[in-house]
Structures are given as structure tokens and as C-alpha cells.
Amino acid sequence: MKVHNVELTISAVRPEQYPVEGLPEIALVGRSNVGKSSLINTLINRKSYARTSSQPGKTQTLNFYNVEDLLYLVDVPGYGYAKVSKKERDKWGRMIETYLTQRPNLKGVIALMDARHEPTELDIQMLGFLHYYQLPFLAVGTKIDKIPRSKWNKMVSNAVKKTSFLNHDNYALFSAVNKTGKELVWDWIEKMVE
């Protein structure tokens, strides 16, 4: 997709704040600091439109990015960040669960995982959640520029083995540094929002 126009429409915490135009939505989920903002910036051809932070747990709202008036990319708060109180984490959890399970505009979810490591318990829980609610998802292994290319296949196989919800067709590798995987992710998004 050629992207020229992008706008952060709203940062929402409740369903009544969600956009009302009825555009299809693709959510991005993953642990804090896994690279959601970097993936969004790469997809929309911007350097720092979606704010990346050196401080994990910074995104605390659902950020709706209108892309070309065709769809929304929705940046979901990261999970697994320990320096946030349990009460705050529970509140985010409810907000995220409400959005993922009750939003009719949601057409698919991109679940990001740090490719340098095997999927964590939280990653596997998220994939299980998406699977349980029958939400179409694409798992994306991020930061692959930090892994020698010769190890990519082994890394993908290990991730696929670790969870029954993953297979070679719904797992993509991505690097914000050299744009590996950008087209593949866009192809999946376009299929989901057709």
C-alpha cells in the first residue's frame, strides 16, 4: 500500500471514544518494547509518527491511526511491564480485552514478539486468547536485523514448535532497520480489510 496520509485520530480508553466512521481496524499487540511503534512507523513510511519510547509501558491508551481513510492501525498498550501497579495492569487488561472481543470493526490482529527469544508465557497467552476468540492474527517476530540470517529458519521453527497457534503461514519476520517483512505485513493487512 502506498501511504501518504496518516492521522492519529484519537487515543481512547473506552468504547464510546472509538472512531465511528466504520473503517476496518487492525490491532497491534505485544509486550512493552517489542517494537509496535517501529512497525507502525515503517508501515506508514514515517520516522517517528507513532512515538517510540525508551521507557516501556508508555502507551496507556488505544491509539487509532487513520491510514489513507481506508483503515485504522490500532496501537494497543504493551503487556508484561512490571513497573506498573497491578491495579493499572488490570485496568489496561480490561480495556484491551473489551476492544479485542467487542469491536466489530476489528478485522485482524498483528501479534508482535521479539524474534531474538522464544515466545514468552505472555506471548503464548496472547496467541491463545486470539485463537480462542477466533480473531485472525499474524505473529510478527521483530528485531531480526539483530539475528544472523543463517539462524532465521531455526528461530521460526522454534517459535512454531513452542505454541500450537503458530505455523509458518501466520508467522512473519520483521526489521524496522532494513524493512524486512514490510511488504508481507502489508499483504496480510490488505487481505484482512478487503
C-alpha atoms as a PDB file:
ATOM      1  CA  MET A   1       0.000   0.000   0.000  1.00  0.00           C
ATOM      2  CA  LYS A   2       1.256   3.477  -0.846  1.00  0.00           C
ATOM      3  CA  VAL A   3       0.821   5.617   2.247  1.00  0.00           C
ATOM      4  CA  HIS A   4       0.765   9.403   2.055  1.00  0.00           C
ATOM      5  CA  ASN A   5      -1.879  10.452   4.587  1.00  0.00           C
ATOM      6  CA  VAL A   6      -1.903   9.287   8.177  1.00  0.00           C
ATOM      7  CA  GLU A   7      -3.540  10.867  11.169  1.00  0.00           C
ATOM      8  CA  LEU A   8      -3.639   9.912  14.837  1.00  0.00           C
ATOM      9  CA  THR A   9      -7.408  10.285  15.185  1.00  0.00           C
ATOM     10  CA  ILE A  10      -7.867   9.522  18.860  1.00  0.00           C
ATOM     11  CA  SER A  11      -6.266   7.944  21.891  1.00  0.00           C
ATOM     12  CA  ALA A  12      -9.136   6.061  23.500  1.00  0.00           C
ATOM     13  CA  VAL A  13      -9.712   4.172  26.740  1.00  0.00           C
ATOM     14  CA  ARG A  14     -13.453   3.435  26.411  1.00  0.00           C
ATOM     15  CA  PRO A  15     -15.643   2.102  23.570  1.00  0.00           C
ATOM     16  CA  GLU A  16     -17.614   5.346  23.346  1.00  0.00           C
ATOM     17  CA  GLN A  17     -14.366   7.102  22.365  1.00  0.00           C
ATOM     18  CA  TYR A  18     -13.597   4.769  19.441  1.00  0.00           C
ATOM     19  CA  PRO A  19     -13.849   6.228  15.920  1.00  0.00           C
ATOM     20  CA  VAL A  20     -17.310   5.994  14.367  1.00  0.00           C
ATOM     21  CA  GLU A  21     -16.594   6.059  10.603  1.00  0.00           C
ATOM     22  CA  GLY A  22     -16.801   2.279  10.382  1.00  0.00           C
ATOM     23  CA  LEU A  23     -13.371   1.776   8.770  1.00  0.00           C
ATOM     24  CA  PRO A  24     -11.783  -1.669   9.210  1.00  0.00           C
ATOM     25  CA  GLU A  25      -9.225  -1.897  12.006  1.00  0.00           C
ATOM     26  CA  ILE A  26      -6.046  -3.887  12.515  1.00  0.00           C
ATOM     27  CA  ALA A  27      -4.760  -4.024  16.099  1.00  0.00           C
ATOM     28  CA  LEU A  28      -1.105  -4.374  17.058  1.00  0.00           C
ATOM     29  CA  VAL A  29      -0.425  -6.201  20.315  1.00  0.00           C
ATOM     30  CA  GLY A  30       2.754  -7.276  22.056  1.00  0.00           C
ATOM     31  CA  ARG A  31       4.956  -6.901  25.085  1.00  0.00           C
ATOM     32  CA  SER A  32       6.183  -3.470  26.064  1.00  0.00           C
ATOM     33  CA  ASN A  33       9.217  -2.514  23.992  1.00  0.00           C
ATOM     34  CA  VAL A  34       8.688  -5.230  21.353  1.00  0.00           C
ATOM     35  CA  GLY A  35       8.544  -2.683  18.512  1.00  0.00           C
ATOM     36  CA  LYS A  36       4.861  -1.889  17.842  1.00  0.00           C
ATOM     37  CA  SER A  37       5.547   1.799  17.209  1.00  0.00           C
ATOM     38  CA  SER A  38       8.531   0.941  14.994  1.00  0.00           C
ATOM     39  CA  LEU A  39       6.358  -1.410  12.915  1.00  0.00           C
ATOM     40  CA  ILE A  40       3.637   1.246  12.562  1.00  0.00           C
ATOM     41  CA  ASN A  41       6.213   3.882  11.542  1.00  0.00           C
ATOM     42  CA  THR A  42       7.693   1.510   8.944  1.00  0.00           C
ATOM     43  CA  LEU A  43       4.261   0.612   7.523  1.00  0.00           C
ATOM     44  CA  ILE A  44       3.250   4.271   7.171  1.00  0.00           C
ATOM     45  CA  ASN A  45       6.673   5.441   5.920  1.00  0.00           C
ATOM     46  CA  ARG A  46       7.284   7.815   8.816  1.00  0.00           C
ATOM     47  CA  LYS A  47      10.321   8.067  11.069  1.00  0.00           C
ATOM     48  CA  SER A  48       8.651   8.772  14.401  1.00  0.00           C
ATOM     49  CA  TYR A  49       4.939   9.365  13.886  1.00  0.00           C
ATOM     50  CA  ALA A  50       3.993   6.630  16.329  1.00  0.00           C
ATOM     51  CA  ARG A  51       6.064   7.551  19.360  1.00  0.00           C
ATOM     52  CA  THR A  52       8.668   5.015  20.325  1.00  0.00           C
ATOM     53  CA  SER A  53       9.853   5.186  23.879  1.00  0.00           C
ATOM     54  CA  SER A  54      12.940   4.039  25.698  1.00  0.00           C
ATOM     55  CA  GLN A  55      10.611   3.666  28.666  1.00  0.00           C
ATOM     56  CA  PRO A  56       8.472   0.523  28.383  1.00  0.00           C
ATOM     57  CA  GLY A  57       4.812   0.759  29.360  1.00  0.00           C
ATOM     58  CA  LYS A  58       4.434   4.276  27.948  1.00  0.00           C
ATOM     59  CA  THR A  59       1.425   3.572  25.708  1.00  0.00           C
ATOM     60  CA  GLN A  60      -1.579   3.550  28.024  1.00  0.00           C
ATOM     61  CA  THR A  61      -4.360   4.120  25.510  1.00  0.00           C
ATOM     62  CA  LEU A  62      -5.636   2.573  22.294  1.00  0.00           C
ATOM     63  CA  ASN A  63      -4.120   4.825  19.619  1.00  0.00           C
ATOM     64  CA  PHE A  64      -6.127   4.858  16.375  1.00  0.00           C
ATOM     65  CA  TYR A  65      -4.051   5.783  13.299  1.00  0.00           C
ATOM     66  CA  ASN A  66      -6.199   6.575  10.254  1.00  0.00           C
ATOM     67  CA  VAL A  67      -4.302   5.382   7.153  1.00  0.00           C
ATOM     68  CA  GLU A  68      -5.481   6.956   3.876  1.00  0.00           C
ATOM     69  CA  ASP A  69      -9.115   6.954   5.127  1.00  0.00           C
ATOM     70  CA  LEU A  70      -9.056   3.219   4.299  1.00  0.00           C
ATOM     71  CA  LEU A  71      -8.301   1.603   7.646  1.00  0.00           C
ATOM     72  CA  TYR A  72      -7.117   2.146  11.195  1.00  0.00           C
ATOM     73  CA  LEU A  73      -3.940   0.726  12.667  1.00  0.00           C
ATOM     74  CA  VAL A  74      -4.610   0.490  16.399  1.00  0.00           C
ATOM     75  CA  ASP A  75      -1.627   0.579  18.739  1.00  0.00           C
ATOM     76  CA  VAL A  76      -2.606  -1.371  21.863  1.00  0.00           C
ATOM     77  CA  PRO A  77      -0.785  -0.866  25.214  1.00  0.00           C
ATOM     78  CA  GLY A  78       2.053  -3.333  25.710  1.00  0.00           C
ATOM     79  CA  TYR A  79       1.715  -6.133  28.208  1.00  0.00           C
ATOM     80  CA  GLY A  80       4.149  -7.570  30.705  1.00  0.00           C
ATOM     81  CA  TYR A  81       5.668  -4.357  32.004  1.00  0.00           C
ATOM     82  CA  ALA A  82       6.397  -4.856  35.693  1.00  0.00           C
ATOM     83  CA  LYS A  83       6.900  -1.262  36.856  1.00  0.00           C
ATOM     84  CA  VAL A  84       3.195  -0.524  36.523  1.00  0.00           C
ATOM     85  CA  SER A  85       0.949  -1.278  39.504  1.00  0.00           C
ATOM     86  CA  LYS A  86      -1.180  -4.428  39.385  1.00  0.00           C
ATOM     87  CA  LYS A  87      -4.301  -2.239  39.538  1.00  0.00           C
ATOM     88  CA  GLU A  88      -3.111  -0.288  36.482  1.00  0.00           C
ATOM     89  CA  ARG A  89      -2.222  -3.517  34.608  1.00  0.00           C
ATOM     90  CA  ASP A  90      -5.682  -4.944  35.388  1.00  0.00           C
ATOM     91  CA  LYS A  91      -7.307  -1.767  34.071  1.00  0.00           C
ATOM     92  CA  TRP A  92      -5.296  -1.969  30.820  1.00  0.00           C
ATOM     93  CA  GLY A  93      -6.138  -5.675  30.583  1.00  0.00           C
ATOM     94  CA  ARG A  94      -9.876  -4.953  30.760  1.00  0.00           C
ATOM     95  CA  MET A  95      -9.568  -2.116  28.233  1.00  0.00           C
ATOM     96  CA  ILE A  96      -7.639  -4.343  25.795  1.00  0.00           C
ATOM     97  CA  GLU A  97      -9.948  -7.334  26.270  1.00  0.00           C
ATOM     98  CA  THR A  98     -13.040  -5.167  25.704  1.00  0.00           C
ATOM     99  CA  TYR A  99     -11.573  -3.783  22.491  1.00  0.00           C
ATOM    100  CA  LEU A 100     -10.366  -7.139  21.124  1.00  0.00           C
ATOM    101  CA  THR A 101     -13.564  -9.060  21.915  1.00  0.00           C
ATOM    102  CA  GLN A 102     -16.299  -6.489  21.264  1.00  0.00           C
ATOM    103  CA  ARG A 103     -15.150  -4.306  18.373  1.00  0.00           C
ATOM    104  CA  PRO A 104     -16.990  -5.269  15.159  1.00  0.00           C
ATOM    105  CA  ASN A 105     -14.580  -3.158  13.032  1.00  0.00           C
ATOM    106  CA  LEU A 106     -11.608  -5.260  14.142  1.00  0.00           C
ATOM    107  CA  LYS A 107     -10.574  -7.384  11.150  1.00  0.00           C
ATOM    108  CA  GLY A 108      -7.310  -8.841  12.409  1.00  0.00           C
ATOM    109  CA  VAL A 109      -4.528  -8.608  14.963  1.00  0.00           C
ATOM    110  CA  ILE A 110      -0.778  -8.372  14.485  1.00  0.00           C
ATOM    111  CA  ALA A 111       0.870 -10.028  17.491  1.00  0.00           C
ATOM    112  CA  LEU A 112       4.469  -8.876  17.844  1.00  0.00           C
ATOM    113  CA  MET A 113       7.137 -10.938  19.570  1.00  0.00           C
ATOM    114  CA  ASP A 114      10.853 -10.323  19.954  1.00  0.00           C
ATOM    115  CA  ALA A 115      12.352 -12.794  17.475  1.00  0.00           C
ATOM    116  CA  ARG A 116      15.628 -12.928  19.401  1.00  0.00           C
ATOM    117  CA  HIS A 117      13.907 -15.002  22.083  1.00  0.00           C
ATOM    118  CA  GLU A 118      11.405 -17.837  22.150  1.00  0.00           C
ATOM    119  CA  PRO A 119       7.804 -16.670  22.674  1.00  0.00           C
ATOM    120  CA  THR A 120       7.294 -15.825  26.345  1.00  0.00           C
ATOM    121  CA  GLU A 121       4.487 -17.169  28.516  1.00  0.00           C
ATOM    122  CA  LEU A 122       2.663 -13.850  27.984  1.00  0.00           C
ATOM    123  CA  ASP A 123       3.126 -14.081  24.190  1.00  0.00           C
ATOM    124  CA  ILE A 124       1.680 -17.596  24.233  1.00  0.00           C
ATOM    125  CA  GLN A 125      -1.239 -16.436  26.402  1.00  0.00           C
ATOM    126  CA  MET A 126      -1.977 -13.631  23.928  1.00  0.00           C
ATOM    127  CA  LEU A 127      -1.884 -16.019  20.947  1.00  0.00           C
ATOM    128  CA  GLY A 128      -4.149 -18.395  22.880  1.00  0.00           C
ATOM    129  CA  PHE A 129      -6.550 -15.524  23.583  1.00  0.00           C
ATOM    130  CA  LEU A 130      -6.664 -14.530  19.888  1.00  0.00           C
ATOM    131  CA  HIS A 131      -7.144 -18.181  18.909  1.00  0.00           C
ATOM    132  CA  TYR A 132      -9.926 -18.685  21.483  1.00  0.00           C
ATOM    133  CA  TYR A 133     -11.832 -15.634  20.212  1.00  0.00           C
ATOM    134  CA  GLN A 134     -11.199 -16.727  16.604  1.00  0.00           C
ATOM    135  CA  LEU A 135      -9.513 -13.441  15.739  1.00  0.00           C
ATOM    136  CA  PRO A 136      -7.398 -13.727  12.598  1.00  0.00           C
ATOM    137  CA  PHE A 137      -3.806 -12.940  13.520  1.00  0.00           C
ATOM    138  CA  LEU A 138      -0.361 -12.598  12.073  1.00  0.00           C
ATOM    139  CA  ALA A 139       2.501 -13.192  14.508  1.00  0.00           C
ATOM    140  CA  VAL A 140       5.469 -10.965  13.711  1.00  0.00           C
ATOM    141  CA  GLY A 141       8.952 -11.667  15.013  1.00  0.00           C
ATOM    142  CA  THR A 142      10.646  -8.280  15.419  1.00  0.00           C
ATOM    143  CA  LYS A 143      14.260  -7.112  15.583  1.00  0.00           C
ATOM    144  CA  ILE A 144      15.530  -9.777  13.166  1.00  0.00           C
ATOM    145  CA  ASP A 145      18.303  -7.467  11.984  1.00  0.00           C
ATOM    146  CA  LYS A 146      19.976  -8.484  15.254  1.00  0.00           C
ATOM    147  CA  ILE A 147      19.962 -12.186  14.286  1.00  0.00           C
ATOM    148  CA  PRO A 148      22.255 -13.734  11.634  1.00  0.00           C
ATOM    149  CA  ARG A 149      20.199 -14.678   8.562  1.00  0.00           C
ATOM    150  CA  SER A 150      21.502 -18.247   8.783  1.00  0.00           C
ATOM    151  CA  LYS A 151      19.571 -18.659  12.057  1.00  0.00           C
ATOM    152  CA  TRP A 152      16.198 -17.335  10.864  1.00  0.00           C
ATOM    153  CA  ASN A 153      14.709 -20.721   9.858  1.00  0.00           C
ATOM    154  CA  LYS A 154      15.715 -22.364  13.129  1.00  0.00           C
ATOM    155  CA  MET A 155      14.288 -19.418  15.070  1.00  0.00           C
ATOM    156  CA  VAL A 156      10.947 -19.616  13.228  1.00  0.00           C
ATOM    157  CA  SER A 157      10.785 -23.391  13.755  1.00  0.00           C
ATOM    158  CA  ASN A 158      11.434 -22.964  17.489  1.00  0.00           C
ATOM    159  CA  ALA A 159       8.690 -20.348  17.791  1.00  0.00           C
ATOM    160  CA  VAL A 160       6.222 -22.513  15.825  1.00  0.00           C
ATOM    161  CA  LYS A 161       7.051 -25.555  17.999  1.00  0.00           C
ATOM    162  CA  LYS A 162       6.532 -23.572  21.192  1.00  0.00           C
ATOM    163  CA  THR A 163       2.842 -22.913  20.513  1.00  0.00           C
ATOM    164  CA  SER A 164       0.120 -24.785  18.683  1.00  0.00           C
ATOM    165  CA  PHE A 165      -1.409 -21.491  17.481  1.00  0.00           C
ATOM    166  CA  LEU A 166       1.552 -20.631  15.277  1.00  0.00           C
ATOM    167  CA  ASN A 167       2.527 -22.051  11.916  1.00  0.00           C
ATOM    168  CA  HIS A 168       4.817 -20.997   9.097  1.00  0.00           C
ATOM    169  CA  ASP A 169       1.896 -19.305   7.297  1.00  0.00           C
ATOM    170  CA  ASN A 170       0.953 -16.934  10.101  1.00  0.00           C
ATOM    171  CA  TYR A 171       4.439 -16.029  11.345  1.00  0.00           C
ATOM    172  CA  ALA A 172       6.442 -13.284   9.651  1.00  0.00           C
ATOM    173  CA  LEU A 173       9.853 -11.821  10.379  1.00  0.00           C
ATOM    174  CA  PHE A 174      10.323  -8.058  10.543  1.00  0.00           C
ATOM    175  CA  SER A 175      13.043  -5.462  10.928  1.00  0.00           C
ATOM    176  CA  ALA A 176      12.386  -1.734  11.264  1.00  0.00           C
ATOM    177  CA  VAL A 177      16.070  -1.161  10.460  1.00  0.00           C
ATOM    178  CA  ASN A 178      16.162  -2.721   6.973  1.00  0.00           C
ATOM    179  CA  LYS A 179      12.372  -3.007   6.320  1.00  0.00           C
ATOM    180  CA  THR A 180      12.470  -6.819   6.015  1.00  0.00           C
ATOM    181  CA  GLY A 181       8.905  -8.129   6.165  1.00  0.00           C
ATOM    182  CA  LYS A 182       7.175  -4.795   5.491  1.00  0.00           C
ATOM    183  CA  GLU A 183       5.533  -5.960   2.229  1.00  0.00           C
ATOM    184  CA  LEU A 184       4.496  -9.265   3.745  1.00  0.00           C
ATOM    185  CA  VAL A 185       2.785  -7.494   6.662  1.00  0.00           C
ATOM    186  CA  TRP A 186       1.015  -5.086   4.286  1.00  0.00           C
ATOM    187  CA  ASP A 187      -0.146  -8.005   2.109  1.00  0.00           C
ATOM    188  CA  TRP A 188      -1.707  -9.640   5.166  1.00  0.00           C
ATOM    189  CA  ILE A 189      -3.363  -6.383   6.282  1.00  0.00           C
ATOM    190  CA  GLU A 190      -4.813  -5.795   2.808  1.00  0.00           C
ATOM    191  CA  LYS A 191      -6.274  -9.321   2.754  1.00  0.00           C
ATOM    192  CA  MET A 192      -7.881  -8.761   6.151  1.00  0.00           C
ATOM    193  CA  VAL A 193      -9.521  -5.431   5.265  1.00  0.00           C
ATOM    194  CA  GLU A 194     -10.775  -6.308   1.753  1.00  0.00           C
END
